[in-house]
């Protein structure tokens, strides 16, 4: 009986640890999928995508937006539909111009590139929190990007 109690205790601790790390991995995956959905929203609702010249392309300085502004609210909403624990100050959207594509392309047809980054994600373990330990784990940063299409064709 004593051996069973010791073995069962260790076994249950291992099972709970596996369960907790699976939940942490799931939270990180939700943030990554939310970032992909937010990136799609940032491409469509960006004030910078209406004109590549708004970025000062080619060779212009990228426009960096933290999602605490009203312009970034549709992007943050798209992220929070999947990962509601992500806050606006953790999300940064960078609008830039890509130098990919046809080198004969005029500057007015610059290719937009959007980069969305989520930083500072933490996961609080449930079981240690119940017994008063309150242990947290830093999750990896999420960074996704998408480059627009080069629609220029030379004659």
C-alpha atoms as a PDB file:
ATOM      1  CA  UNK A   1       0.000   0.000   0.000  1.00  0.00           C
ATOM      2  CA  UNK A   2       2.846   2.395   0.827  1.00  0.00           C
ATOM      3  CA  UNK A   3       4.585   1.635  -2.466  1.00  0.00           C
ATOM      4  CA  UNK A   4       1.324   2.157  -4.339  1.00  0.00           C
ATOM      5  CA  UNK A   5       0.778   5.518  -2.626  1.00  0.00           C
ATOM      6  CA  UNK A   6       4.283   6.685  -3.549  1.00  0.00           C
ATOM      7  CA  UNK A   7       4.079   5.411  -7.121  1.00  0.00           C
ATOM      8  CA  UNK A   8       0.588   6.832  -7.645  1.00  0.00           C
ATOM      9  CA  UNK A   9       1.653  10.237  -6.324  1.00  0.00           C
ATOM     10  CA  UNK A  10       4.599  10.417  -8.709  1.00  0.00           C
ATOM     11  CA  UNK A  11       2.480   9.127 -11.588  1.00  0.00           C
ATOM     12  CA  UNK A  12      -0.259  11.714 -10.952  1.00  0.00           C
ATOM     13  CA  UNK A  13       2.320  14.521 -10.796  1.00  0.00           C
ATOM     14  CA  UNK A  14       3.668  13.453 -14.191  1.00  0.00           C
ATOM     15  CA  UNK A  15       0.174  13.249 -15.702  1.00  0.00           C
ATOM     16  CA  UNK A  16      -0.740  16.703 -14.351  1.00  0.00           C
ATOM     17  CA  UNK A  17       2.534  18.162 -15.676  1.00  0.00           C
ATOM     18  CA  UNK A  18       1.827  16.729 -19.122  1.00  0.00           C
ATOM     19  CA  UNK A  19      -1.684  18.170 -18.994  1.00  0.00           C
ATOM     20  CA  UNK A  20      -0.431  21.625 -17.919  1.00  0.00           C
ATOM     21  CA  UNK A  21       2.241  21.803 -20.636  1.00  0.00           C
ATOM     22  CA  UNK A  22      -0.334  20.666 -23.220  1.00  0.00           C
ATOM     23  CA  UNK A  23      -2.559  23.584 -22.169  1.00  0.00           C
ATOM     24  CA  UNK A  24       0.394  25.992 -22.399  1.00  0.00           C
ATOM     25  CA  UNK A  25       1.199  24.716 -25.895  1.00  0.00           C
ATOM     26  CA  UNK A  26      -2.454  25.100 -26.865  1.00  0.00           C
ATOM     27  CA  UNK A  27      -2.456  28.714 -25.612  1.00  0.00           C
ATOM     28  CA  UNK A  28       0.641  29.475 -27.702  1.00  0.00           C
ATOM     29  CA  UNK A  29      -0.973  27.815 -30.731  1.00  0.00           C
ATOM     30  CA  UNK A  30      -4.105  29.936 -30.257  1.00  0.00           C
ATOM     31  CA  UNK A  31      -1.934  33.068 -30.182  1.00  0.00           C
ATOM     32  CA  UNK A  32      -0.173  31.963 -33.387  1.00  0.00           C
ATOM     33  CA  UNK A  33      -3.464  31.295 -35.169  1.00  0.00           C
ATOM     34  CA  UNK A  34      -4.841  34.599 -33.869  1.00  0.00           C
ATOM     35  CA  UNK A  35      -1.757  36.335 -35.275  1.00  0.00           C
ATOM     36  CA  UNK A  36      -2.433  34.821 -38.697  1.00  0.00           C
ATOM     37  CA  UNK A  37      -6.056  35.998 -38.578  1.00  0.00           C
ATOM     38  CA  UNK A  38      -4.960  39.426 -37.339  1.00  0.00           C
ATOM     39  CA  UNK A  39      -2.452  39.687 -40.180  1.00  0.00           C
ATOM     40  CA  UNK A  40      -5.200  39.098 -42.711  1.00  0.00           C
ATOM     41  CA  UNK A  41      -7.214  41.845 -41.061  1.00  0.00           C
ATOM     42  CA  UNK A  42      -4.219  44.202 -40.945  1.00  0.00           C
ATOM     43  CA  UNK A  43      -3.671  43.792 -44.673  1.00  0.00           C
ATOM     44  CA  UNK A  44      -7.284  44.637 -45.490  1.00  0.00           C
ATOM     45  CA  UNK A  45      -8.009  47.389 -42.946  1.00  0.00           C
ATOM     46  CA  UNK A  46      -4.647  49.132 -42.889  1.00  0.00           C
ATOM     47  CA  UNK A  47      -4.543  52.862 -43.582  1.00  0.00           C
ATOM     48  CA  UNK A  48      -1.198  52.233 -45.293  1.00  0.00           C
ATOM     49  CA  UNK A  49      -2.353  49.629 -47.792  1.00  0.00           C
ATOM     50  CA  UNK A  50      -4.490  52.100 -49.711  1.00  0.00           C
ATOM     51  CA  UNK A  51      -1.352  53.573 -51.215  1.00  0.00           C
ATOM     52  CA  UNK A  52       2.166  52.232 -51.210  1.00  0.00           C
ATOM     53  CA  UNK A  53       3.355  55.828 -51.551  1.00  0.00           C
ATOM     54  CA  UNK A  54       1.982  56.499 -48.045  1.00  0.00           C
ATOM     55  CA  UNK A  55       4.907  54.395 -46.854  1.00  0.00           C
ATOM     56  CA  UNK A  56       7.403  56.492 -48.798  1.00  0.00           C
ATOM     57  CA  UNK A  57       8.313  53.583 -51.072  1.00  0.00           C
ATOM     58  CA  UNK A  58      10.755  52.640 -52.358  1.00  0.00           C
ATOM     59  CA  UNK A  59      13.307  52.780 -49.592  1.00  0.00           C
ATOM     60  CA  UNK A  60      10.907  54.433 -47.192  1.00  0.00           C
ATOM     61  CA  UNK A  61      10.749  54.023 -43.452  1.00  0.00           C
ATOM     62  CA  UNK A  62       8.349  51.293 -42.312  1.00  0.00           C
ATOM     63  CA  UNK A  63       5.203  52.342 -40.453  1.00  0.00           C
ATOM     64  CA  UNK A  64       4.989  50.610 -37.053  1.00  0.00           C
ATOM     65  CA  UNK A  65       1.631  50.493 -35.266  1.00  0.00           C
ATOM     66  CA  UNK A  66       1.062  49.186 -31.740  1.00  0.00           C
ATOM     67  CA  UNK A  67      -2.462  47.854 -31.366  1.00  0.00           C
ATOM     68  CA  UNK A  68      -3.429  50.329 -28.670  1.00  0.00           C
ATOM     69  CA  UNK A  69      -4.638  52.765 -31.352  1.00  0.00           C
ATOM     70  CA  UNK A  70      -8.085  52.879 -32.945  1.00  0.00           C
ATOM     71  CA  UNK A  71      -6.589  52.184 -36.397  1.00  0.00           C
ATOM     72  CA  UNK A  72      -5.445  48.775 -35.159  1.00  0.00           C
ATOM     73  CA  UNK A  73      -8.711  47.804 -33.458  1.00  0.00           C
ATOM     74  CA  UNK A  74     -10.000  45.550 -36.308  1.00  0.00           C
ATOM     75  CA  UNK A  75      -6.698  43.662 -36.204  1.00  0.00           C
ATOM     76  CA  UNK A  76      -6.851  43.248 -32.414  1.00  0.00           C
ATOM     77  CA  UNK A  77     -10.487  42.099 -32.647  1.00  0.00           C
ATOM     78  CA  UNK A  78      -9.505  39.423 -35.183  1.00  0.00           C
ATOM     79  CA  UNK A  79      -6.742  38.194 -32.871  1.00  0.00           C
ATOM     80  CA  UNK A  80      -8.924  38.203 -29.766  1.00  0.00           C
ATOM     81  CA  UNK A  81     -11.660  36.147 -31.457  1.00  0.00           C
ATOM     82  CA  UNK A  82      -9.217  33.224 -31.325  1.00  0.00           C
ATOM     83  CA  UNK A  83      -6.877  34.236 -28.488  1.00  0.00           C
ATOM     84  CA  UNK A  84      -8.803  36.487 -26.070  1.00  0.00           C
ATOM     85  CA  UNK A  85      -5.862  36.651 -23.642  1.00  0.00           C
ATOM     86  CA  UNK A  86      -3.759  38.737 -26.075  1.00  0.00           C
ATOM     87  CA  UNK A  87      -3.717  42.446 -25.167  1.00  0.00           C
ATOM     88  CA  UNK A  88      -3.259  45.384 -27.546  1.00  0.00           C
ATOM     89  CA  UNK A  89       0.089  46.456 -26.096  1.00  0.00           C
ATOM     90  CA  UNK A  90       1.490  43.004 -26.939  1.00  0.00           C
ATOM     91  CA  UNK A  91       0.706  43.359 -30.664  1.00  0.00           C
ATOM     92  CA  UNK A  92       2.858  45.307 -33.131  1.00  0.00           C
ATOM     93  CA  UNK A  93       2.049  45.653 -36.835  1.00  0.00           C
ATOM     94  CA  UNK A  94       4.737  46.853 -39.246  1.00  0.00           C
ATOM     95  CA  UNK A  95       3.831  48.079 -42.727  1.00  0.00           C
ATOM     96  CA  UNK A  96       6.737  48.194 -45.143  1.00  0.00           C
ATOM     97  CA  UNK A  97       7.546  47.872 -48.822  1.00  0.00           C
ATOM     98  CA  UNK A  98       9.125  44.750 -50.199  1.00  0.00           C
ATOM     99  CA  UNK A  99      11.929  44.866 -52.735  1.00  0.00           C
ATOM    100  CA  UNK A 100      10.845  41.528 -54.180  1.00  0.00           C
ATOM    101  CA  UNK A 101       9.351  41.131 -57.634  1.00  0.00           C
ATOM    102  CA  UNK A 102      10.075  42.667 -60.996  1.00  0.00           C
ATOM    103  CA  UNK A 103      13.024  45.098 -60.843  1.00  0.00           C
ATOM    104  CA  UNK A 104      11.500  47.205 -63.674  1.00  0.00           C
ATOM    105  CA  UNK A 105       8.398  47.878 -61.609  1.00  0.00           C
ATOM    106  CA  UNK A 106       7.613  51.608 -61.135  1.00  0.00           C
ATOM    107  CA  UNK A 107       7.817  52.974 -57.574  1.00  0.00           C
ATOM    108  CA  UNK A 108       4.061  53.694 -57.618  1.00  0.00           C
ATOM    109  CA  UNK A 109       3.439  49.936 -57.802  1.00  0.00           C
ATOM    110  CA  UNK A 110       5.478  49.060 -54.726  1.00  0.00           C
ATOM    111  CA  UNK A 111       4.729  45.711 -53.108  1.00  0.00           C
ATOM    112  CA  UNK A 112       3.382  46.040 -49.550  1.00  0.00           C
ATOM    113  CA  UNK A 113       4.682  43.796 -46.782  1.00  0.00           C
ATOM    114  CA  UNK A 114       2.907  43.450 -43.440  1.00  0.00           C
ATOM    115  CA  UNK A 115       4.549  41.935 -40.337  1.00  0.00           C
ATOM    116  CA  UNK A 116       2.553  41.210 -37.175  1.00  0.00           C
ATOM    117  CA  UNK A 117       4.324  40.349 -33.938  1.00  0.00           C
ATOM    118  CA  UNK A 118       2.906  39.266 -30.575  1.00  0.00           C
ATOM    119  CA  UNK A 119       5.355  39.509 -27.669  1.00  0.00           C
ATOM    120  CA  UNK A 120       5.244  39.104 -23.903  1.00  0.00           C
ATOM    121  CA  UNK A 121       2.853  36.150 -23.752  1.00  0.00           C
ATOM    122  CA  UNK A 122       2.743  34.297 -20.448  1.00  0.00           C
ATOM    123  CA  UNK A 123       0.847  31.225 -19.304  1.00  0.00           C
ATOM    124  CA  UNK A 124      -0.184  30.726 -15.675  1.00  0.00           C
ATOM    125  CA  UNK A 125      -0.309  27.102 -14.619  1.00  0.00           C
ATOM    126  CA  UNK A 126      -3.682  26.113 -13.132  1.00  0.00           C
ATOM    127  CA  UNK A 127      -2.771  23.333 -10.688  1.00  0.00           C
ATOM    128  CA  UNK A 128       0.171  25.093  -8.968  1.00  0.00           C
ATOM    129  CA  UNK A 129      -2.071  28.171  -8.752  1.00  0.00           C
ATOM    130  CA  UNK A 130      -4.708  26.206  -6.855  1.00  0.00           C
ATOM    131  CA  UNK A 131      -2.212  25.222  -4.166  1.00  0.00           C
ATOM    132  CA  UNK A 132      -0.797  28.750  -3.956  1.00  0.00           C
ATOM    133  CA  UNK A 133       2.356  28.531  -6.069  1.00  0.00           C
ATOM    134  CA  UNK A 134       1.097  30.661  -8.973  1.00  0.00           C
ATOM    135  CA  UNK A 135       3.815  29.610 -11.395  1.00  0.00           C
ATOM    136  CA  UNK A 136       3.918  31.271 -14.832  1.00  0.00           C
ATOM    137  CA  UNK A 137       5.772  30.406 -18.007  1.00  0.00           C
ATOM    138  CA  UNK A 138       6.961  32.780 -20.732  1.00  0.00           C
ATOM    139  CA  UNK A 139       5.611  31.661 -24.123  1.00  0.00           C
ATOM    140  CA  UNK A 140       7.630  32.169 -27.323  1.00  0.00           C
ATOM    141  CA  UNK A 141       6.957  35.312 -29.353  1.00  0.00           C
ATOM    142  CA  UNK A 142       4.794  34.961 -32.450  1.00  0.00           C
ATOM    143  CA  UNK A 143       5.824  36.670 -35.687  1.00  0.00           C
ATOM    144  CA  UNK A 144       3.971  36.319 -38.985  1.00  0.00           C
ATOM    145  CA  UNK A 145       4.379  38.206 -42.239  1.00  0.00           C
ATOM    146  CA  UNK A 146       2.777  38.417 -45.631  1.00  0.00           C
ATOM    147  CA  UNK A 147       4.061  40.029 -48.797  1.00  0.00           C
ATOM    148  CA  UNK A 148       1.678  41.374 -51.409  1.00  0.00           C
ATOM    149  CA  UNK A 149       1.698  40.359 -55.029  1.00  0.00           C
ATOM    150  CA  UNK A 150       3.755  41.979 -57.778  1.00  0.00           C
ATOM    151  CA  UNK A 151       1.079  42.899 -60.331  1.00  0.00           C
ATOM    152  CA  UNK A 152       3.484  44.618 -62.695  1.00  0.00           C
ATOM    153  CA  UNK A 153       4.119  43.006 -66.047  1.00  0.00           C
ATOM    154  CA  UNK A 154       6.549  44.505 -68.544  1.00  0.00           C
ATOM    155  CA  UNK A 155       5.477  44.719 -72.170  1.00  0.00           C
END
